[in-house]
Structure formats: C-alpha cells, structure tokens
PDB file of all heavy atoms in Angstrom:
ATOM      1  N   ALA A   1     -87.212 -62.258  42.112  1.00  0.00           N
ATOM      2  CA  ALA A   1     -87.069 -62.106  43.554  1.00  0.00           C
ATOM      3  C   ALA A   1     -86.307 -63.338  44.036  1.00  0.00           C
ATOM      4  O   ALA A   1     -86.370 -64.442  43.350  1.00  0.00           O
ATOM      5  CB  ALA A   1     -88.404 -61.941  44.258  1.00  0.00           C
ATOM      6  N   ASP A   2     -85.628 -63.282  45.192  1.00  0.00           N
ATOM      7  CA  ASP A   2     -84.978 -64.429  45.605  1.00  0.00           C
ATOM      8  C   ASP A   2     -85.835 -65.553  45.969  1.00  0.00           C
ATOM      9  O   ASP A   2     -87.069 -65.399  46.242  1.00  0.00           O
ATOM     10  CB  ASP A   2     -84.155 -64.017  46.869  1.00  0.00           C
ATOM     11  CG  ASP A   2     -83.160 -65.068  47.278  1.00  0.00           C
ATOM     12  OD1 ASP A   2     -82.336 -65.440  46.419  1.00  0.00           O
ATOM     13  OD2 ASP A   2     -83.119 -65.495  48.345  1.00  0.00           O
ATOM     14  N   ILE A   3     -85.386 -66.784  45.835  1.00  0.00           N
ATOM     15  CA  ILE A   3     -86.192 -67.949  46.095  1.00  0.00           C
ATOM     16  C   ILE A   3     -86.810 -68.027  47.447  1.00  0.00           C
ATOM     17  O   ILE A   3     -87.839 -68.660  47.677  1.00  0.00           O
ATOM     18  CB  ILE A   3     -85.405 -69.270  45.800  1.00  0.00           C
ATOM     19  CG1 ILE A   3     -86.313 -70.446  45.553  1.00  0.00           C
ATOM     20  CG2 ILE A   3     -84.366 -69.538  46.837  1.00  0.00           C
ATOM     21  CD1 ILE A   3     -85.695 -71.695  45.031  1.00  0.00           C
ATOM     22  N   ASP A   4     -86.170 -67.408  48.401  1.00  0.00           N
ATOM     23  CA  ASP A   4     -86.634 -67.366  49.808  1.00  0.00           C
ATOM     24  C   ASP A   4     -87.537 -66.125  50.061  1.00  0.00           C
ATOM     25  O   ASP A   4     -87.964 -65.960  51.194  1.00  0.00           O
ATOM     26  CB  ASP A   4     -85.580 -67.391  50.801  1.00  0.00           C
ATOM     27  CG  ASP A   4     -84.658 -66.182  50.777  1.00  0.00           C
ATOM     28  OD1 ASP A   4     -84.881 -65.334  49.917  1.00  0.00           O
ATOM     29  OD2 ASP A   4     -83.796 -66.108  51.667  1.00  0.00           O
ATOM     30  N   GLY A   5     -87.955 -65.422  48.996  1.00  0.00           N
ATOM     31  CA  GLY A   5     -88.851 -64.313  49.155  1.00  0.00           C
ATOM     32  C   GLY A   5     -88.207 -62.966  49.387  1.00  0.00           C
ATOM     33  O   GLY A   5     -88.982 -61.962  49.630  1.00  0.00           O
ATOM     34  N   ALA A   6     -86.935 -62.844  49.462  1.00  0.00           N
ATOM     35  CA  ALA A   6     -86.315 -61.591  49.662  1.00  0.00           C
ATOM     36  C   ALA A   6     -86.275 -60.655  48.428  1.00  0.00           C
ATOM     37  O   ALA A   6     -86.138 -61.139  47.352  1.00  0.00           O
ATOM     38  CB  ALA A   6     -84.805 -61.762  50.181  1.00  0.00           C
ATOM     39  N   PHE A   7     -86.508 -59.380  48.656  1.00  0.00           N
ATOM     40  CA  PHE A   7     -86.411 -58.388  47.564  1.00  0.00           C
ATOM     41  C   PHE A   7     -86.172 -57.049  48.145  1.00  0.00           C
ATOM     42  O   PHE A   7     -86.276 -56.749  49.382  1.00  0.00           O
ATOM     43  CB  PHE A   7     -87.801 -58.453  46.827  1.00  0.00           C
ATOM     44  CG  PHE A   7     -88.921 -57.874  47.573  1.00  0.00           C
ATOM     45  CD1 PHE A   7     -89.366 -56.569  47.553  1.00  0.00           C
ATOM     46  CD2 PHE A   7     -89.617 -58.700  48.432  1.00  0.00           C
ATOM     47  CE1 PHE A   7     -90.426 -56.043  48.272  1.00  0.00           C
ATOM     48  CE2 PHE A   7     -90.715 -58.209  49.214  1.00  0.00           C
ATOM     49  CZ  PHE A   7     -91.110 -56.912  49.099  1.00  0.00           C
ATOM     50  N   GLU A   8     -85.769 -56.085  47.312  1.00  0.00           N
ATOM     51  CA  GLU A   8     -85.454 -54.720  47.772  1.00  0.00           C
ATOM     52  C   GLU A   8     -85.672 -53.781  46.618  1.00  0.00           C
ATOM     53  O   GLU A   8     -85.798 -54.071  45.507  1.00  0.00           O
ATOM     54  CB  GLU A   8     -84.070 -54.680  48.310  1.00  0.00           C
ATOM     55  CG  GLU A   8     -82.992 -55.016  47.235  1.00  0.00           C
ATOM     56  CD  GLU A   8     -81.517 -55.102  47.897  1.00  0.00           C
ATOM     57  OE1 GLU A   8     -80.972 -54.038  47.957  1.00  0.00           O
ATOM     58  OE2 GLU A   8     -81.078 -56.189  48.297  1.00  0.00           O
ATOM     59  N   GLY A   9     -85.789 -52.528  47.031  1.00  0.00           N
ATOM     60  CA  GLY A   9     -86.020 -51.518  45.983  1.00  0.00           C
ATOM     61  C   GLY A   9     -86.352 -50.105  46.673  1.00  0.00           C
ATOM     62  O   GLY A   9     -85.988 -49.937  47.839  1.00  0.00           O
ATOM     63  N   TYR A  10     -87.007 -49.219  45.929  1.00  0.00           N
ATOM     64  CA  TYR A  10     -87.297 -47.917  46.471  1.00  0.00           C
ATOM     65  C   TYR A  10     -88.881 -47.811  46.525  1.00  0.00           C
ATOM     66  O   TYR A  10     -89.582 -48.030  45.467  1.00  0.00           O
ATOM     67  CB  TYR A  10     -86.762 -46.799  45.564  1.00  0.00           C
ATOM     68  CG  TYR A  10     -85.267 -46.635  45.742  1.00  0.00           C
ATOM     69  CD1 TYR A  10     -84.359 -47.331  45.019  1.00  0.00           C
ATOM     70  CD2 TYR A  10     -84.822 -45.726  46.774  1.00  0.00           C
ATOM     71  CE1 TYR A  10     -83.006 -47.144  45.247  1.00  0.00           C
ATOM     72  CE2 TYR A  10     -83.431 -45.577  46.985  1.00  0.00           C
ATOM     73  CZ  TYR A  10     -82.549 -46.271  46.276  1.00  0.00           C
ATOM     74  OH  TYR A  10     -81.234 -46.075  46.513  1.00  0.00           O
ATOM     75  N   ALA A  11     -89.336 -47.466  47.654  1.00  0.00           N
ATOM     76  CA  ALA A  11     -90.804 -47.226  47.858  1.00  0.00           C
ATOM     77  C   ALA A  11     -91.161 -45.791  47.559  1.00  0.00           C
ATOM     78  O   ALA A  11     -92.356 -45.475  47.379  1.00  0.00           O
ATOM     79  CB  ALA A  11     -91.170 -47.591  49.281  1.00  0.00           C
ATOM     80  N   SER A  12     -90.179 -44.907  47.432  1.00  0.00           N
ATOM     81  CA  SER A  12     -90.457 -43.485  47.199  1.00  0.00           C
ATOM     82  C   SER A  12     -89.191 -42.870  46.636  1.00  0.00           C
ATOM     83  O   SER A  12     -88.085 -43.251  47.103  1.00  0.00           O
ATOM     84  CB  SER A  12     -90.927 -42.730  48.436  1.00  0.00           C
ATOM     85  OG  SER A  12     -91.169 -41.346  48.171  1.00  0.00           O
ATOM     86  N   LEU A  13     -89.336 -41.960  45.723  1.00  0.00           N
ATOM     87  CA  LEU A  13     -88.217 -41.125  45.253  1.00  0.00           C
ATOM     88  C   LEU A  13     -88.364 -39.679  45.652  1.00  0.00           C
ATOM     89  O   LEU A  13     -89.422 -39.119  45.536  1.00  0.00           O
ATOM     90  CB  LEU A  13     -88.084 -41.212  43.676  1.00  0.00           C
ATOM     91  CG  LEU A  13     -87.748 -42.562  43.097  1.00  0.00           C
ATOM     92  CD1 LEU A  13     -87.713 -42.474  41.583  1.00  0.00           C
ATOM     93  CD2 LEU A  13     -86.410 -43.110  43.630  1.00  0.00           C
ATOM     94  N   PHE A  14     -87.229 -39.121  46.059  1.00  0.00           N
ATOM     95  CA  PHE A  14     -87.232 -37.733  46.485  1.00  0.00           C
ATOM     96  C   PHE A  14     -87.234 -36.778  45.245  1.00  0.00           C
ATOM     97  O   PHE A  14     -86.723 -37.165  44.172  1.00  0.00           O
ATOM     98  CB  PHE A  14     -86.060 -37.343  47.417  1.00  0.00           C
ATOM     99  CG  PHE A  14     -86.064 -38.066  48.706  1.00  0.00           C
ATOM    100  CD1 PHE A  14     -84.829 -38.600  49.223  1.00  0.00           C
ATOM    101  CD2 PHE A  14     -87.265 -38.304  49.385  1.00  0.00           C
ATOM    102  CE1 PHE A  14     -84.863 -39.237  50.418  1.00  0.00           C
ATOM    103  CE2 PHE A  14     -87.205 -38.960  50.640  1.00  0.00           C
ATOM    104  CZ  PHE A  14     -86.055 -39.450  51.153  1.00  0.00           C
ATOM    105  N   HIS A  15     -87.859 -35.575  45.444  1.00  0.00           N
ATOM    106  CA  HIS A  15     -87.770 -34.552  44.371  1.00  0.00           C
ATOM    107  C   HIS A  15     -88.439 -35.000  43.041  1.00  0.00           C
ATOM    108  O   HIS A  15     -88.224 -34.378  42.030  1.00  0.00           O
ATOM    109  CB  HIS A  15     -86.319 -34.125  44.097  1.00  0.00           C
ATOM    110  CG  HIS A  15     -85.621 -33.645  45.268  1.00  0.00           C
ATOM    111  ND1 HIS A  15     -85.960 -32.526  45.993  1.00  0.00           N
ATOM    112  CD2 HIS A  15     -84.419 -34.113  45.824  1.00  0.00           C
ATOM    113  CE1 HIS A  15     -85.085 -32.363  46.996  1.00  0.00           C
ATOM    114  NE2 HIS A  15     -84.206 -33.320  46.885  1.00  0.00           N
ATOM    115  N   ARG A  16     -89.276 -35.939  43.110  1.00  0.00           N
ATOM    116  CA  ARG A  16     -89.966 -36.454  41.908  1.00  0.00           C
ATOM    117  C   ARG A  16     -91.463 -36.312  41.997  1.00  0.00           C
ATOM    118  O   ARG A  16     -92.108 -36.929  42.878  1.00  0.00           O
ATOM    119  CB  ARG A  16     -89.540 -37.902  41.675  1.00  0.00           C
ATOM    120  CG  ARG A  16     -90.236 -38.575  40.506  1.00  0.00           C
ATOM    121  CD  ARG A  16     -89.703 -38.020  39.102  1.00  0.00           C
ATOM    122  NE  ARG A  16     -90.355 -38.644  38.049  1.00  0.00           N
ATOM    123  CZ  ARG A  16     -90.105 -38.350  36.803  1.00  0.00           C
ATOM    124  NH1 ARG A  16     -89.053 -37.581  36.486  1.00  0.00           N
ATOM    125  NH2 ARG A  16     -90.816 -38.880  35.764  1.00  0.00           N
ATOM    126  N   ALA A  17     -92.087 -35.457  41.176  1.00  0.00           N
ATOM    127  CA  ALA A  17     -93.503 -35.202  41.194  1.00  0.00           C
ATOM    128  C   ALA A  17     -94.207 -36.483  40.748  1.00  0.00           C
ATOM    129  O   ALA A  17     -93.896 -37.065  39.711  1.00  0.00           O
ATOM    130  CB  ALA A  17     -93.880 -34.006  40.395  1.00  0.00           C
ATOM    131  N   ASP A  18     -95.257 -36.903  41.442  1.00  0.00           N
ATOM    132  CA  ASP A  18     -96.016 -38.094  40.980  1.00  0.00           C
ATOM    133  C   ASP A  18     -97.217 -37.493  40.156  1.00  0.00           C
ATOM    134  O   ASP A  18     -97.361 -36.271  39.975  1.00  0.00           O
ATOM    135  CB  ASP A  18     -96.434 -38.978  42.143  1.00  0.00           C
ATOM    136  CG  ASP A  18     -97.354 -38.335  43.171  1.00  0.00           C
ATOM    137  OD1 ASP A  18     -97.967 -37.265  42.799  1.00  0.00           O
ATOM    138  OD2 ASP A  18     -97.405 -38.714  44.245  1.00  0.00           O
ATOM    139  N   LEU A  19     -98.146 -38.409  39.784  1.00  0.00           N
ATOM    140  CA  LEU A  19     -99.224 -37.979  39.043  1.00  0.00           C
ATOM    141  C   LEU A  19    -100.268 -37.079  39.723  1.00  0.00           C
ATOM    142  O   LEU A  19    -101.158 -36.500  39.094  1.00  0.00           O
ATOM    143  CB  LEU A  19    -100.022 -39.225  38.423  1.00  0.00           C
ATOM    144  CG  LEU A  19     -99.121 -40.087  37.530  1.00  0.00           C
ATOM    145  CD1 LEU A  19     -99.896 -41.312  37.008  1.00  0.00           C
ATOM    146  CD2 LEU A  19     -98.529 -39.333  36.413  1.00  0.00           C
ATOM    147  N   THR A  20    -100.186 -37.028  41.027  1.00  0.00           N
ATOM    148  CA  THR A  20    -101.092 -36.067  41.791  1.00  0.00           C
ATOM    149  C   THR A  20    -100.375 -34.819  42.169  1.00  0.00           C
ATOM    150  O   THR A  20    -100.805 -33.982  43.035  1.00  0.00           O
ATOM    151  CB  THR A  20    -101.543 -36.751  43.102  1.00  0.00           C
ATOM    152  OG1 THR A  20    -100.504 -37.012  43.966  1.00  0.00           O
ATOM    153  CG2 THR A  20    -102.297 -38.016  42.777  1.00  0.00           C
ATOM    154  N   ARG A  21     -99.102 -34.515  41.606  1.00  0.00           N
ATOM    155  CA  ARG A  21     -98.356 -33.337  41.754  1.00  0.00           C
ATOM    156  C   ARG A  21     -97.783 -33.315  43.238  1.00  0.00           C
ATOM    157  O   ARG A  21     -97.492 -32.161  43.676  1.00  0.00           O
ATOM    158  CB  ARG A  21     -99.176 -32.128  41.400  1.00  0.00           C
ATOM    159  CG  ARG A  21     -99.508 -32.030  39.973  1.00  0.00           C
ATOM    160  CD  ARG A  21    -100.238 -30.754  39.636  1.00  0.00           C
ATOM    161  NE  ARG A  21    -100.640 -30.595  38.290  1.00  0.00           N
ATOM    162  CZ  ARG A  21    -101.276 -29.705  37.702  1.00  0.00           C
ATOM    163  NH1 ARG A  21    -101.594 -28.632  38.439  1.00  0.00           N
ATOM    164  NH2 ARG A  21    -101.617 -29.610  36.445  1.00  0.00           N
ATOM    165  N   ASP A  22     -97.571 -34.380  43.832  1.00  0.00           N
ATOM    166  CA  ASP A  22     -97.013 -34.410  45.161  1.00  0.00           C
ATOM    167  C   ASP A  22     -95.484 -34.679  45.019  1.00  0.00           C
ATOM    168  O   ASP A  22     -95.115 -35.524  44.146  1.00  0.00           O
ATOM    169  CB  ASP A  22     -97.581 -35.449  46.050  1.00  0.00           C
ATOM    170  CG  ASP A  22     -98.861 -34.954  46.785  1.00  0.00           C
ATOM    171  OD1 ASP A  22     -99.187 -33.814  46.671  1.00  0.00           O
ATOM    172  OD2 ASP A  22     -99.450 -35.805  47.462  1.00  0.00           O
ATOM    173  N   ILE A  23     -94.673 -34.001  45.753  1.00  0.00           N
ATOM    174  CA  ILE A  23     -93.227 -34.230  45.754  1.00  0.00           C
ATOM    175  C   ILE A  23     -92.788 -34.494  47.175  1.00  0.00           C
ATOM    176  O   ILE A  23     -93.133 -33.633  48.125  1.00  0.00           O
ATOM    177  CB  ILE A  23     -92.477 -32.952  45.238  1.00  0.00           C
ATOM    178  CG1 ILE A  23     -92.806 -32.723  43.776  1.00  0.00           C
ATOM    179  CG2 ILE A  23     -90.954 -33.180  45.409  1.00  0.00           C
ATOM    180  CD1 ILE A  23     -92.271 -31.397  43.188  1.00  0.00           C
ATOM    181  N   ILE A  24     -92.145 -35.580  47.432  1.00  0.00           N
ATOM    182  CA  ILE A  24     -91.684 -35.896  48.803  1.00  0.00           C
ATOM    183  C   ILE A  24     -90.223 -35.493  48.966  1.00  0.00           C
ATOM    184  O   ILE A  24     -89.355 -35.723  48.090  1.00  0.00           O
ATOM    185  CB  ILE A  24     -91.794 -37.473  49.086  1.00  0.00           C
ATOM    186  CG1 ILE A  24     -93.248 -37.802  48.979  1.00  0.00           C
ATOM    187  CG2 ILE A  24     -91.159 -37.821  50.453  1.00  0.00           C
ATOM    188  CD1 ILE A  24     -93.492 -39.294  49.308  1.00  0.00           C
ATOM    189  N   LEU A  25     -89.929 -34.785  50.003  1.00  0.00           N
ATOM    190  CA  LEU A  25     -88.608 -34.176  50.214  1.00  0.00           C
ATOM    191  C   LEU A  25     -87.743 -35.084  51.184  1.00  0.00           C
ATOM    192  O   LEU A  25     -88.283 -35.799  51.970  1.00  0.00           O
ATOM    193  CB  LEU A  25     -88.735 -32.837  50.810  1.00  0.00           C
ATOM    194  CG  LEU A  25     -89.535 -31.803  49.936  1.00  0.00           C
ATOM    195  CD1 LEU A  25     -89.590 -30.422  50.718  1.00  0.00           C
ATOM    196  CD2 LEU A  25     -88.920 -31.632  48.654  1.00  0.00           C
ATOM    197  N   PRO A  26     -86.396 -35.014  51.023  1.00  0.00           N
ATOM    198  CA  PRO A  26     -85.576 -35.708  51.962  1.00  0.00           C
ATOM    199  C   PRO A  26     -85.879 -35.400  53.343  1.00  0.00           C
ATOM    200  O   PRO A  26     -86.137 -34.285  53.721  1.00  0.00           O
ATOM    201  CB  PRO A  26     -84.140 -35.346  51.539  1.00  0.00           C
ATOM    202  CG  PRO A  26     -84.238 -34.979  50.076  1.00  0.00           C
ATOM    203  CD  PRO A  26     -85.666 -34.291  49.999  1.00  0.00           C
ATOM    204  N   GLY A  27     -85.866 -36.424  54.290  1.00  0.00           N
ATOM    205  CA  GLY A  27     -86.135 -36.208  55.601  1.00  0.00           C
ATOM    206  C   GLY A  27     -87.593 -36.318  55.977  1.00  0.00           C
ATOM    207  O   GLY A  27     -87.955 -36.349  57.146  1.00  0.00           O
ATOM    208  N   ALA A  28     -88.464 -36.527  54.987  1.00  0.00           N
ATOM    209  CA  ALA A  28     -89.880 -36.588  55.261  1.00  0.00           C
ATOM    210  C   ALA A  28     -90.249 -37.831  56.109  1.00  0.00           C
ATOM    211  O   ALA A  28     -91.184 -37.814  56.885  1.00  0.00           O
ATOM    212  CB  ALA A  28     -90.654 -36.658  53.927  1.00  0.00           C
ATOM    213  N   PHE A  29     -89.474 -38.915  56.052  1.00  0.00           N
ATOM    214  CA  PHE A  29     -89.828 -40.197  56.715  1.00  0.00           C
ATOM    215  C   PHE A  29     -89.026 -40.247  58.037  1.00  0.00           C
ATOM    216  O   PHE A  29     -89.132 -41.282  58.768  1.00  0.00           O
ATOM    217  CB  PHE A  29     -89.502 -41.357  55.820  1.00  0.00           C
ATOM    218  CG  PHE A  29     -90.255 -41.382  54.491  1.00  0.00           C
ATOM    219  CD1 PHE A  29     -89.553 -40.998  53.379  1.00  0.00           C
ATOM    220  CD2 PHE A  29     -91.533 -41.793  54.443  1.00  0.00           C
ATOM    221  CE1 PHE A  29     -90.305 -41.024  52.139  1.00  0.00           C
ATOM    222  CE2 PHE A  29     -92.247 -41.794  53.231  1.00  0.00           C
ATOM    223  CZ  PHE A  29     -91.606 -41.380  52.032  1.00  0.00           C
ATOM    224  N   ARG A  30     -88.106 -39.385  58.310  1.00  0.00           N
ATOM    225  CA  ARG A  30     -87.149 -39.514  59.366  1.00  0.00           C
ATOM    226  C   ARG A  30     -87.809 -39.778  60.738  1.00  0.00           C
ATOM    227  O   ARG A  30     -87.524 -40.734  61.467  1.00  0.00           O
ATOM    228  CB  ARG A  30     -86.207 -38.281  59.507  1.00  0.00           C
ATOM    229  CG  ARG A  30     -85.101 -38.501  60.422  1.00  0.00           C
ATOM    230  CD  ARG A  30     -84.181 -37.238  60.493  1.00  0.00           C
ATOM    231  NE  ARG A  30     -83.610 -37.085  59.106  1.00  0.00           N
ATOM    232  CZ  ARG A  30     -83.647 -35.900  58.454  1.00  0.00           C
ATOM    233  NH1 ARG A  30     -84.179 -34.831  58.947  1.00  0.00           N
ATOM    234  NH2 ARG A  30     -82.994 -35.836  57.257  1.00  0.00           N
ATOM    235  N   LYS A  31     -88.703 -38.931  61.061  1.00  0.00           N
ATOM    236  CA  LYS A  31     -89.346 -39.076  62.380  1.00  0.00           C
ATOM    237  C   LYS A  31     -90.114 -40.376  62.508  1.00  0.00           C
ATOM    238  O   LYS A  31     -90.065 -41.057  63.522  1.00  0.00           O
ATOM    239  CB  LYS A  31     -90.226 -37.886  62.662  1.00  0.00           C
ATOM    240  CG  LYS A  31     -90.902 -37.791  64.029  1.00  0.00           C
ATOM    241  CD  LYS A  31     -91.634 -36.512  64.192  1.00  0.00           C
ATOM    242  CE  LYS A  31     -92.186 -36.378  65.656  1.00  0.00           C
ATOM    243  NZ  LYS A  31     -93.269 -37.405  65.926  1.00  0.00           N
ATOM    244  N   SER A  32     -90.826 -40.739  61.483  1.00  0.00           N
ATOM    245  CA  SER A  32     -91.688 -41.923  61.494  1.00  0.00           C
ATOM    246  C   SER A  32     -90.838 -43.172  61.652  1.00  0.00           C
ATOM    247  O   SER A  32     -91.105 -44.044  62.378  1.00  0.00           O
ATOM    248  CB  SER A  32     -92.585 -41.928  60.164  1.00  0.00           C
ATOM    249  OG  SER A  32     -93.430 -43.006  60.137  1.00  0.00           O
ATOM    250  N   LEU A  33     -89.742 -43.190  60.879  1.00  0.00           N
ATOM    251  CA  LEU A  33     -88.857 -44.348  60.934  1.00  0.00           C
ATOM    252  C   LEU A  33     -88.224 -44.446  62.348  1.00  0.00           C
ATOM    253  O   LEU A  33     -87.997 -45.579  62.805  1.00  0.00           O
ATOM    254  CB  LEU A  33     -87.803 -44.251  59.836  1.00  0.00           C
ATOM    255  CG  LEU A  33     -88.296 -44.395  58.417  1.00  0.00           C
ATOM    256  CD1 LEU A  33     -87.175 -44.184  57.402  1.00  0.00           C
ATOM    257  CD2 LEU A  33     -88.977 -45.736  58.242  1.00  0.00           C
ATOM    258  N   ALA A  34     -87.856 -43.364  62.943  1.00  0.00           N
ATOM    259  CA  ALA A  34     -87.204 -43.369  64.247  1.00  0.00           C
ATOM    260  C   ALA A  34     -88.222 -43.856  65.336  1.00  0.00           C
ATOM    261  O   ALA A  34     -87.793 -44.574  66.207  1.00  0.00           O
ATOM    262  CB  ALA A  34     -86.745 -41.944  64.592  1.00  0.00           C
ATOM    263  N   GLU A  35     -89.436 -43.556  65.137  1.00  0.00           N
ATOM    264  CA  GLU A  35     -90.463 -43.884  66.064  1.00  0.00           C
ATOM    265  C   GLU A  35     -90.870 -45.402  65.950  1.00  0.00           C
ATOM    266  O   GLU A  35     -91.055 -46.141  66.953  1.00  0.00           O
ATOM    267  CB  GLU A  35     -91.682 -42.981  65.986  1.00  0.00           C
ATOM    268  CG  GLU A  35     -91.457 -41.596  66.441  1.00  0.00           C
ATOM    269  CD  GLU A  35     -92.625 -40.719  66.215  1.00  0.00           C
ATOM    270  OE1 GLU A  35     -93.556 -41.158  65.523  1.00  0.00           O
ATOM    271  OE2 GLU A  35     -92.625 -39.578  66.748  1.00  0.00           O
ATOM    272  N   ARG A  36     -91.032 -45.856  64.634  1.00  0.00           N
ATOM    273  CA  ARG A  36     -91.573 -47.210  64.434  1.00  0.00           C
ATOM    274  C   ARG A  36     -90.508 -48.289  64.124  1.00  0.00           C
ATOM    275  O   ARG A  36     -90.702 -49.410  64.548  1.00  0.00           O
ATOM    276  CB  ARG A  36     -92.592 -47.157  63.278  1.00  0.00           C
ATOM    277  CG  ARG A  36     -93.850 -46.437  63.598  1.00  0.00           C
ATOM    278  CD  ARG A  36     -94.910 -46.779  62.600  1.00  0.00           C
ATOM    279  NE  ARG A  36     -96.179 -46.335  62.994  1.00  0.00           N
ATOM    280  CZ  ARG A  36     -96.686 -45.114  62.666  1.00  0.00           C
ATOM    281  NH1 ARG A  36     -95.929 -44.308  61.826  1.00  0.00           N
ATOM    282  NH2 ARG A  36     -97.878 -44.711  63.048  1.00  0.00           N
ATOM    283  N   GLY A  37     -89.515 -47.813  63.352  1.00  0.00           N
ATOM    284  CA  GLY A  37     -88.552 -48.805  62.883  1.00  0.00           C
ATOM    285  C   GLY A  37     -89.219 -49.727  61.783  1.00  0.00           C
ATOM    286  O   GLY A  37     -90.385 -49.701  61.615  1.00  0.00           O
ATOM    287  N   PRO A  38     -88.398 -50.505  61.082  1.00  0.00           N
ATOM    288  CA  PRO A  38     -88.963 -51.275  59.982  1.00  0.00           C
ATOM    289  C   PRO A  38     -89.999 -52.338  60.522  1.00  0.00           C
ATOM    290  O   PRO A  38     -90.942 -52.688  59.701  1.00  0.00           O
ATOM    291  CB  PRO A  38     -87.741 -52.004  59.344  1.00  0.00           C
ATOM    292  CG  PRO A  38     -86.703 -51.828  60.382  1.00  0.00           C
ATOM    293  CD  PRO A  38     -86.954 -50.633  61.134  1.00  0.00           C
ATOM    294  N   LYS A  39     -89.898 -52.816  61.700  1.00  0.00           N
ATOM    295  CA  LYS A  39     -90.783 -53.861  62.205  1.00  0.00           C
ATOM    296  C   LYS A  39     -92.151 -53.254  62.517  1.00  0.00           C
ATOM    297  O   LYS A  39     -93.161 -53.985  62.560  1.00  0.00           O
ATOM    298  CB  LYS A  39     -90.188 -54.491  63.508  1.00  0.00           C
ATOM    299  CG  LYS A  39     -88.873 -55.273  63.296  1.00  0.00           C
ATOM    300  CD  LYS A  39     -89.132 -56.424  62.372  1.00  0.00           C
ATOM    301  CE  LYS A  39     -87.734 -57.210  62.213  1.00  0.00           C
ATOM    302  NZ  LYS A  39     -87.872 -58.280  61.201  1.00  0.00           N
ATOM    303  N   GLY A  40     -92.197 -51.926  62.707  1.00  0.00           N
ATOM    304  CA  GLY A  40     -93.523 -51.281  63.020  1.00  0.00           C
ATOM    305  C   GLY A  40     -94.227 -50.811  61.777  1.00  0.00           C
ATOM    306  O   GLY A  40     -95.313 -50.269  61.930  1.00  0.00           O
ATOM    307  N   ILE A  41     -93.666 -51.042  60.627  1.00  0.00           N
ATOM    308  CA  ILE A  41     -94.285 -50.653  59.295  1.00  0.00           C
ATOM    309  C   ILE A  41     -94.714 -51.909  58.540  1.00  0.00           C
ATOM    310  O   ILE A  41     -93.898 -52.794  58.348  1.00  0.00           O
ATOM    311  CB  ILE A  41     -93.360 -49.810  58.507  1.00  0.00           C
ATOM    312  CG1 ILE A  41     -93.082 -48.449  59.285  1.00  0.00           C
ATOM    313  CG2 ILE A  41     -93.985 -49.468  57.131  1.00  0.00           C
ATOM    314  CD1 ILE A  41     -91.976 -47.661  58.740  1.00  0.00           C
TER     315      ILE A  41
END
C-alpha cells in the first residue's frame, strides 16, 4: 500500500457466487451510493 495509506481494489464482484451461494448483480449498490456517497460509508 502507498506510504501515505492509500489503497484501492474491489469490495465485491458481480455475477460471482460466494461461499454462501449469494450473487450480487450490477446496480445492487446504486441507490445506496447515491444516497450516502463514499463519505457516508
């Protein structure tokens, strides 16, 4: 990670089943992100 603490990546992948058999679809986060923005998460 950067020396000043910056990092980036993917917190979720679409169309990929996890170990609990859940699949997150594109658009699933859209409303939440519009309401909160990154500062609210």
